[in-house]
Amino acid sequence: MNIKENYDKQMQKVISSAEGRPSLLLHSCCGPCSTSVIERLADDFDLTVFFYNPNIDDEEEYIKRRDNQVKYIEERYGSENTVKFIEGRYNPEIFLEAAAPMAEIKEGGERCRMCFELRLRETASLAAERNFDFFTTTLTVSPMKNASVINKIGIETGDEYGVKYLVSDFKKRDGYRRSIELSREYGLYRQHFCGCRFSVRETEDDPGQEA
């Protein structure tokens, strides 16, 4: 019988055993998803948010999401200066080139896995370059994302770049619900698709689904 991994408990164990205040590079997919994740991590880590999302197809959409990310950090943590922000290079062509052969694959399949790896690989590379103690991602806060797949990719890329990946399942302990509350409280724009042209197409087919 396969026993499902409890990534949230594993994360809490790492945090409780850490000495001092380790540095952590947090890949963020968007401001709303980051809200409850930052809230959960900010007391235990020297936290830097890394906004790297070449999957976002439209530049106007990208700017809107980036600006909402900055808005939340500045309004909630700006006066404390406890959460830093780094913007990665916006290069949607790198995603489109990799995704083109998988255009017809449904959302949640191999194309999404490639997208997770693309973003986590860039995060791991930057974390290693700047000597962060850990890196992780906000992606596991979404009920539409498979935490096991994301954590497996994170662990593998962490091993490759020689930096520790903090496993997570941020949707646990009402993390997703809390992200909705905080998004409303801070007036953040909440998108209803992941960002790529393929997720836009599937959302148009099923307007009820949410990123």
C-alpha atoms as a PDB file:
ATOM      1  CA  MET A   1       0.000   0.000   0.000  1.00  0.00           C
ATOM      2  CA  ASN A   2       1.315   3.426  -0.951  1.00  0.00           C
ATOM      3  CA  ILE A   3       1.392   5.843   1.981  1.00  0.00           C
ATOM      4  CA  LYS A   4       0.791   9.413   0.877  1.00  0.00           C
ATOM      5  CA  GLU A   5       3.600  11.770   1.814  1.00  0.00           C
ATOM      6  CA  ASN A   6       2.695  14.473   4.340  1.00  0.00           C
ATOM      7  CA  TYR A   7       4.819  17.280   2.945  1.00  0.00           C
ATOM      8  CA  ASP A   8       3.413  19.853   5.338  1.00  0.00           C
ATOM      9  CA  LYS A   9       4.607  17.861   8.359  1.00  0.00           C
ATOM     10  CA  GLN A  10       7.986  17.348   6.697  1.00  0.00           C
ATOM     11  CA  MET A  11       8.279  21.097   6.166  1.00  0.00           C
ATOM     12  CA  GLN A  12       7.380  21.837   9.787  1.00  0.00           C
ATOM     13  CA  LYS A  13      10.043  19.378  10.926  1.00  0.00           C
ATOM     14  CA  VAL A  14      12.694  21.122   8.816  1.00  0.00           C
ATOM     15  CA  ILE A  15      11.651  24.515  10.171  1.00  0.00           C
ATOM     16  CA  SER A  16      11.678  23.367  13.798  1.00  0.00           C
ATOM     17  CA  SER A  17      15.159  21.880  13.448  1.00  0.00           C
ATOM     18  CA  ALA A  18      16.704  24.838  11.599  1.00  0.00           C
ATOM     19  CA  GLU A  19      19.232  26.965  13.438  1.00  0.00           C
ATOM     20  CA  GLY A  20      18.827  30.722  13.433  1.00  0.00           C
ATOM     21  CA  ARG A  21      16.976  32.272  10.518  1.00  0.00           C
ATOM     22  CA  PRO A  22      17.920  30.521   7.254  1.00  0.00           C
ATOM     23  CA  SER A  23      17.632  32.300   3.922  1.00  0.00           C
ATOM     24  CA  LEU A  24      14.971  31.042   1.523  1.00  0.00           C
ATOM     25  CA  LEU A  25      14.303  31.896  -2.123  1.00  0.00           C
ATOM     26  CA  LEU A  26      10.571  31.524  -2.751  1.00  0.00           C
ATOM     27  CA  HIS A  27       9.491  31.102  -6.354  1.00  0.00           C
ATOM     28  CA  SER A  28       6.118  32.813  -6.745  1.00  0.00           C
ATOM     29  CA  CYS A  29       3.623  32.081  -9.503  1.00  0.00           C
ATOM     30  CA  CYS A  30       1.494  35.124  -8.620  1.00  0.00           C
ATOM     31  CA  GLY A  31       0.671  37.570  -5.828  1.00  0.00           C
ATOM     32  CA  PRO A  32      -2.545  35.879  -4.619  1.00  0.00           C
ATOM     33  CA  CYS A  33      -0.951  32.434  -4.289  1.00  0.00           C
ATOM     34  CA  SER A  34       2.032  33.954  -2.497  1.00  0.00           C
ATOM     35  CA  THR A  35       0.002  35.688   0.215  1.00  0.00           C
ATOM     36  CA  SER A  36      -0.611  32.842   2.639  1.00  0.00           C
ATOM     37  CA  VAL A  37       2.717  31.203   1.750  1.00  0.00           C
ATOM     38  CA  ILE A  38       4.717  34.308   2.654  1.00  0.00           C
ATOM     39  CA  GLU A  39       2.636  34.686   5.821  1.00  0.00           C
ATOM     40  CA  ARG A  40       3.502  31.113   6.794  1.00  0.00           C
ATOM     41  CA  LEU A  41       7.252  31.424   6.091  1.00  0.00           C
ATOM     42  CA  ALA A  42       8.149  35.004   6.970  1.00  0.00           C
ATOM     43  CA  ASP A  43       8.639  34.415  10.703  1.00  0.00           C
ATOM     44  CA  ASP A  44      11.077  31.545  10.197  1.00  0.00           C
ATOM     45  CA  PHE A  45      13.145  32.556   7.156  1.00  0.00           C
ATOM     46  CA  ASP A  46      15.043  35.451   5.694  1.00  0.00           C
ATOM     47  CA  LEU A  47      12.661  35.453   2.761  1.00  0.00           C
ATOM     48  CA  THR A  48      13.159  36.603  -0.830  1.00  0.00           C
ATOM     49  CA  VAL A  49      10.335  36.265  -3.359  1.00  0.00           C
ATOM     50  CA  PHE A  50      11.430  35.370  -6.894  1.00  0.00           C
ATOM     51  CA  PHE A  51       8.856  36.186  -9.564  1.00  0.00           C
ATOM     52  CA  TYR A  52       9.800  34.064 -12.569  1.00  0.00           C
ATOM     53  CA  ASN A  53       6.989  33.017 -14.881  1.00  0.00           C
ATOM     54  CA  PRO A  54       7.816  32.746 -18.598  1.00  0.00           C
ATOM     55  CA  ASN A  55       4.636  30.680 -18.976  1.00  0.00           C
ATOM     56  CA  ILE A  56       2.532  33.868 -18.830  1.00  0.00           C
ATOM     57  CA  ASP A  57       1.734  34.373 -22.483  1.00  0.00           C
ATOM     58  CA  ASP A  58       0.542  37.977 -22.564  1.00  0.00           C
ATOM     59  CA  GLU A  59       2.844  40.791 -21.429  1.00  0.00           C
ATOM     60  CA  GLU A  60      -0.021  42.882 -20.071  1.00  0.00           C
ATOM     61  CA  GLU A  61      -1.155  39.919 -17.982  1.00  0.00           C
ATOM     62  CA  TYR A  62       2.430  39.370 -16.812  1.00  0.00           C
ATOM     63  CA  ILE A  63       2.806  42.993 -15.692  1.00  0.00           C
ATOM     64  CA  LYS A  64      -0.518  42.887 -13.860  1.00  0.00           C
ATOM     65  CA  ARG A  65       0.523  39.775 -11.924  1.00  0.00           C
ATOM     66  CA  ARG A  66       3.994  41.114 -11.160  1.00  0.00           C
ATOM     67  CA  ASP A  67       2.627  44.427  -9.937  1.00  0.00           C
ATOM     68  CA  ASN A  68       0.129  42.663  -7.677  1.00  0.00           C
ATOM     69  CA  GLN A  69       2.987  40.624  -6.239  1.00  0.00           C
ATOM     70  CA  VAL A  70       4.934  43.781  -5.434  1.00  0.00           C
ATOM     71  CA  LYS A  71       1.788  45.460  -4.076  1.00  0.00           C
ATOM     72  CA  TYR A  72       1.241  42.720  -1.505  1.00  0.00           C
ATOM     73  CA  ILE A  73       4.859  42.670  -0.333  1.00  0.00           C
ATOM     74  CA  GLU A  74       5.059  46.449  -0.028  1.00  0.00           C
ATOM     75  CA  GLU A  75       1.698  46.916   1.684  1.00  0.00           C
ATOM     76  CA  ARG A  76       2.073  44.042   4.135  1.00  0.00           C
ATOM     77  CA  TYR A  77       5.832  43.868   4.757  1.00  0.00           C
ATOM     78  CA  GLY A  78       7.315  47.065   3.329  1.00  0.00           C
ATOM     79  CA  SER A  79       7.603  48.948   6.600  1.00  0.00           C
ATOM     80  CA  GLU A  80       9.192  45.925   8.271  1.00  0.00           C
ATOM     81  CA  ASN A  81      11.560  45.328   5.333  1.00  0.00           C
ATOM     82  CA  THR A  82      11.465  41.602   6.086  1.00  0.00           C
ATOM     83  CA  VAL A  83      10.523  40.272   2.639  1.00  0.00           C
ATOM     84  CA  LYS A  84      12.635  41.051  -0.409  1.00  0.00           C
ATOM     85  CA  PHE A  85      11.698  40.805  -4.079  1.00  0.00           C
ATOM     86  CA  ILE A  86      13.549  39.700  -7.224  1.00  0.00           C
ATOM     87  CA  GLU A  87      12.035  39.712 -10.707  1.00  0.00           C
ATOM     88  CA  GLY A  88      13.303  37.116 -13.139  1.00  0.00           C
ATOM     89  CA  ARG A  89      13.653  37.814 -16.842  1.00  0.00           C
ATOM     90  CA  TYR A  90      10.377  37.734 -18.726  1.00  0.00           C
ATOM     91  CA  ASN A  91      11.058  35.415 -21.661  1.00  0.00           C
ATOM     92  CA  PRO A  92       7.829  33.701 -22.806  1.00  0.00           C
ATOM     93  CA  GLU A  93       9.541  32.376 -25.925  1.00  0.00           C
ATOM     94  CA  ILE A  94      11.540  29.883 -23.822  1.00  0.00           C
ATOM     95  CA  PHE A  95       8.297  28.383 -22.508  1.00  0.00           C
ATOM     96  CA  LEU A  96       6.525  28.399 -25.865  1.00  0.00           C
ATOM     97  CA  GLU A  97       9.424  26.640 -27.581  1.00  0.00           C
ATOM     98  CA  ALA A  98       9.370  23.849 -24.989  1.00  0.00           C
ATOM     99  CA  ALA A  99       5.571  23.629 -24.839  1.00  0.00           C
ATOM    100  CA  ALA A 100       4.806  23.648 -28.575  1.00  0.00           C
ATOM    101  CA  PRO A 101       5.184  19.853 -29.042  1.00  0.00           C
ATOM    102  CA  MET A 102       2.761  19.333 -26.126  1.00  0.00           C
ATOM    103  CA  ALA A 103       0.103  21.780 -27.278  1.00  0.00           C
ATOM    104  CA  GLU A 104      -2.709  19.216 -27.279  1.00  0.00           C
ATOM    105  CA  ILE A 105      -1.937  17.677 -23.891  1.00  0.00           C
ATOM    106  CA  LYS A 106      -4.590  18.472 -21.318  1.00  0.00           C
ATOM    107  CA  GLU A 107      -3.929  20.738 -18.360  1.00  0.00           C
ATOM    108  CA  GLY A 108      -2.192  18.889 -15.525  1.00  0.00           C
ATOM    109  CA  GLY A 109      -0.154  16.603 -17.781  1.00  0.00           C
ATOM    110  CA  GLU A 110       3.389  16.568 -19.113  1.00  0.00           C
ATOM    111  CA  ARG A 111       3.249  20.162 -20.368  1.00  0.00           C
ATOM    112  CA  CYS A 112       2.526  21.394 -16.845  1.00  0.00           C
ATOM    113  CA  ARG A 113       5.306  19.223 -15.465  1.00  0.00           C
ATOM    114  CA  MET A 114       7.720  20.816 -17.927  1.00  0.00           C
ATOM    115  CA  CYS A 115       6.514  24.250 -16.831  1.00  0.00           C
ATOM    116  CA  PHE A 116       7.078  23.435 -13.150  1.00  0.00           C
ATOM    117  CA  GLU A 117      10.580  22.194 -13.920  1.00  0.00           C
ATOM    118  CA  LEU A 118      11.432  25.245 -16.024  1.00  0.00           C
ATOM    119  CA  ARG A 119      10.546  27.612 -13.202  1.00  0.00           C
ATOM    120  CA  LEU A 120      12.025  25.524 -10.387  1.00  0.00           C
ATOM    121  CA  ARG A 121      15.269  25.001 -12.293  1.00  0.00           C
ATOM    122  CA  GLU A 122      15.719  28.760 -12.662  1.00  0.00           C
ATOM    123  CA  THR A 123      14.925  29.217  -8.969  1.00  0.00           C
ATOM    124  CA  ALA A 124      17.416  26.531  -7.917  1.00  0.00           C
ATOM    125  CA  SER A 125      20.093  28.061 -10.141  1.00  0.00           C
ATOM    126  CA  LEU A 126      19.602  31.507  -8.605  1.00  0.00           C
ATOM    127  CA  ALA A 127      19.455  30.082  -5.079  1.00  0.00           C
ATOM    128  CA  ALA A 128      22.791  28.327  -5.625  1.00  0.00           C
ATOM    129  CA  GLU A 129      24.360  31.383  -7.237  1.00  0.00           C
ATOM    130  CA  ARG A 130      23.371  33.641  -4.327  1.00  0.00           C
ATOM    131  CA  ASN A 131      24.029  31.091  -1.573  1.00  0.00           C
ATOM    132  CA  PHE A 132      20.498  30.705  -0.236  1.00  0.00           C
ATOM    133  CA  ASP A 133      20.051  28.002   2.366  1.00  0.00           C
ATOM    134  CA  PHE A 134      16.751  26.807   0.836  1.00  0.00           C
ATOM    135  CA  PHE A 135      14.425  27.352  -2.088  1.00  0.00           C
ATOM    136  CA  THR A 136      10.788  26.427  -2.618  1.00  0.00           C
ATOM    137  CA  THR A 137       7.677  27.481  -4.561  1.00  0.00           C
ATOM    138  CA  THR A 138       4.165  28.773  -3.983  1.00  0.00           C
ATOM    139  CA  LEU A 139       2.805  26.326  -6.570  1.00  0.00           C
ATOM    140  CA  THR A 140       1.664  23.771  -3.989  1.00  0.00           C
ATOM    141  CA  VAL A 141      -0.894  26.190  -2.506  1.00  0.00           C
ATOM    142  CA  SER A 142      -3.219  25.630  -5.461  1.00  0.00           C
ATOM    143  CA  PRO A 143      -5.751  22.782  -5.238  1.00  0.00           C
ATOM    144  CA  MET A 144      -5.251  22.401  -9.015  1.00  0.00           C
ATOM    145  CA  LYS A 145      -1.562  21.496  -8.626  1.00  0.00           C
ATOM    146  CA  ASN A 146      -0.093  18.115  -7.647  1.00  0.00           C
ATOM    147  CA  ALA A 147       2.198  18.657  -4.657  1.00  0.00           C
ATOM    148  CA  SER A 148       3.914  15.284  -5.123  1.00  0.00           C
ATOM    149  CA  VAL A 149       4.947  16.136  -8.685  1.00  0.00           C
ATOM    150  CA  ILE A 150       6.138  19.612  -7.721  1.00  0.00           C
ATOM    151  CA  ASN A 151       8.124  18.405  -4.703  1.00  0.00           C
ATOM    152  CA  LYS A 152       9.781  15.629  -6.697  1.00  0.00           C
ATOM    153  CA  ILE A 153      10.959  18.170  -9.271  1.00  0.00           C
ATOM    154  CA  GLY A 154      12.115  20.516  -6.519  1.00  0.00           C
ATOM    155  CA  ILE A 155      14.154  17.832  -4.775  1.00  0.00           C
ATOM    156  CA  GLU A 156      15.763  16.728  -8.049  1.00  0.00           C
ATOM    157  CA  THR A 157      16.698  20.257  -9.131  1.00  0.00           C
ATOM    158  CA  GLY A 158      17.953  21.035  -5.634  1.00  0.00           C
ATOM    159  CA  ASP A 159      20.235  18.005  -5.756  1.00  0.00           C
ATOM    160  CA  GLU A 160      21.451  19.066  -9.190  1.00  0.00           C
ATOM    161  CA  TYR A 161      22.356  22.607  -8.077  1.00  0.00           C
ATOM    162  CA  GLY A 162      23.493  21.740  -4.563  1.00  0.00           C
ATOM    163  CA  VAL A 163      20.869  23.718  -2.651  1.00  0.00           C
ATOM    164  CA  LYS A 164      18.199  22.389  -0.272  1.00  0.00           C
ATOM    165  CA  TYR A 165      14.624  22.301  -1.503  1.00  0.00           C
ATOM    166  CA  LEU A 166      11.986  22.894   1.172  1.00  0.00           C
ATOM    167  CA  VAL A 167       9.180  20.420   0.522  1.00  0.00           C
ATOM    168  CA  SER A 168       5.696  21.805   1.029  1.00  0.00           C
ATOM    169  CA  ASP A 169       1.990  21.435   0.575  1.00  0.00           C
ATOM    170  CA  PHE A 170       0.892  24.982   1.257  1.00  0.00           C
ATOM    171  CA  LYS A 171      -2.775  24.212   0.610  1.00  0.00           C
ATOM    172  CA  LYS A 172      -2.773  22.303   3.923  1.00  0.00           C
ATOM    173  CA  ARG A 173      -3.964  24.031   7.108  1.00  0.00           C
ATOM    174  CA  ASP A 174      -6.398  26.105   5.026  1.00  0.00           C
ATOM    175  CA  GLY A 175      -3.566  27.690   3.052  1.00  0.00           C
ATOM    176  CA  TYR A 176      -5.624  28.119  -0.107  1.00  0.00           C
ATOM    177  CA  ARG A 177      -8.601  29.557   1.755  1.00  0.00           C
ATOM    178  CA  ARG A 178      -6.284  31.968   3.567  1.00  0.00           C
ATOM    179  CA  SER A 179      -4.795  33.084   0.245  1.00  0.00           C
ATOM    180  CA  ILE A 180      -8.295  34.033  -0.942  1.00  0.00           C
ATOM    181  CA  GLU A 181      -8.934  35.996   2.264  1.00  0.00           C
ATOM    182  CA  LEU A 182      -5.654  37.902   1.998  1.00  0.00           C
ATOM    183  CA  SER A 183      -6.151  38.593  -1.704  1.00  0.00           C
ATOM    184  CA  ARG A 184      -9.485  40.208  -0.912  1.00  0.00           C
ATOM    185  CA  GLU A 185      -8.073  42.114   2.040  1.00  0.00           C
ATOM    186  CA  TYR A 186      -5.292  43.639  -0.082  1.00  0.00           C
ATOM    187  CA  GLY A 187      -7.372  44.076  -3.215  1.00  0.00           C
ATOM    188  CA  LEU A 188      -5.274  41.784  -5.387  1.00  0.00           C
ATOM    189  CA  TYR A 189      -6.136  40.721  -8.908  1.00  0.00           C
ATOM    190  CA  ARG A 190      -6.921  36.991  -8.926  1.00  0.00           C
ATOM    191  CA  GLN A 191      -6.562  35.314 -12.315  1.00  0.00           C
ATOM    192  CA  HIS A 192      -8.575  32.268 -13.410  1.00  0.00           C
ATOM    193  CA  PHE A 193      -5.932  30.564 -15.552  1.00  0.00           C
ATOM    194  CA  CYS A 194      -2.273  29.646 -15.099  1.00  0.00           C
ATOM    195  CA  GLY A 195      -1.027  32.089 -17.697  1.00  0.00           C
ATOM    196  CA  CYS A 196      -0.070  30.123 -20.778  1.00  0.00           C
ATOM    197  CA  ARG A 197      -2.148  30.196 -23.968  1.00  0.00           C
ATOM    198  CA  PHE A 198      -3.069  26.541 -23.452  1.00  0.00           C
ATOM    199  CA  SER A 199      -4.611  27.150 -20.024  1.00  0.00           C
ATOM    200  CA  VAL A 200      -6.501  30.140 -21.454  1.00  0.00           C
ATOM    201  CA  ARG A 201      -7.988  27.845 -24.082  1.00  0.00           C
ATOM    202  CA  GLU A 202      -9.054  25.247 -21.494  1.00  0.00           C
ATOM    203  CA  THR A 203     -10.495  27.906 -19.175  1.00  0.00           C
ATOM    204  CA  GLU A 204     -12.601  29.213 -22.035  1.00  0.00           C
ATOM    205  CA  ASP A 205     -13.914  25.661 -22.483  1.00  0.00           C
ATOM    206  CA  ASP A 206     -14.594  25.378 -18.729  1.00  0.00           C
ATOM    207  CA  PRO A 207     -15.001  28.871 -17.184  1.00  0.00           C
ATOM    208  CA  GLY A 208     -15.555  27.391 -13.731  1.00  0.00           C
ATOM    209  CA  GLN A 209     -11.990  26.208 -13.217  1.00  0.00           C
ATOM    210  CA  GLU A 210      -9.461  28.315 -11.348  1.00  0.00           C
ATOM    211  CA  ALA A 211      -5.643  28.422 -11.396  1.00  0.00           C
END
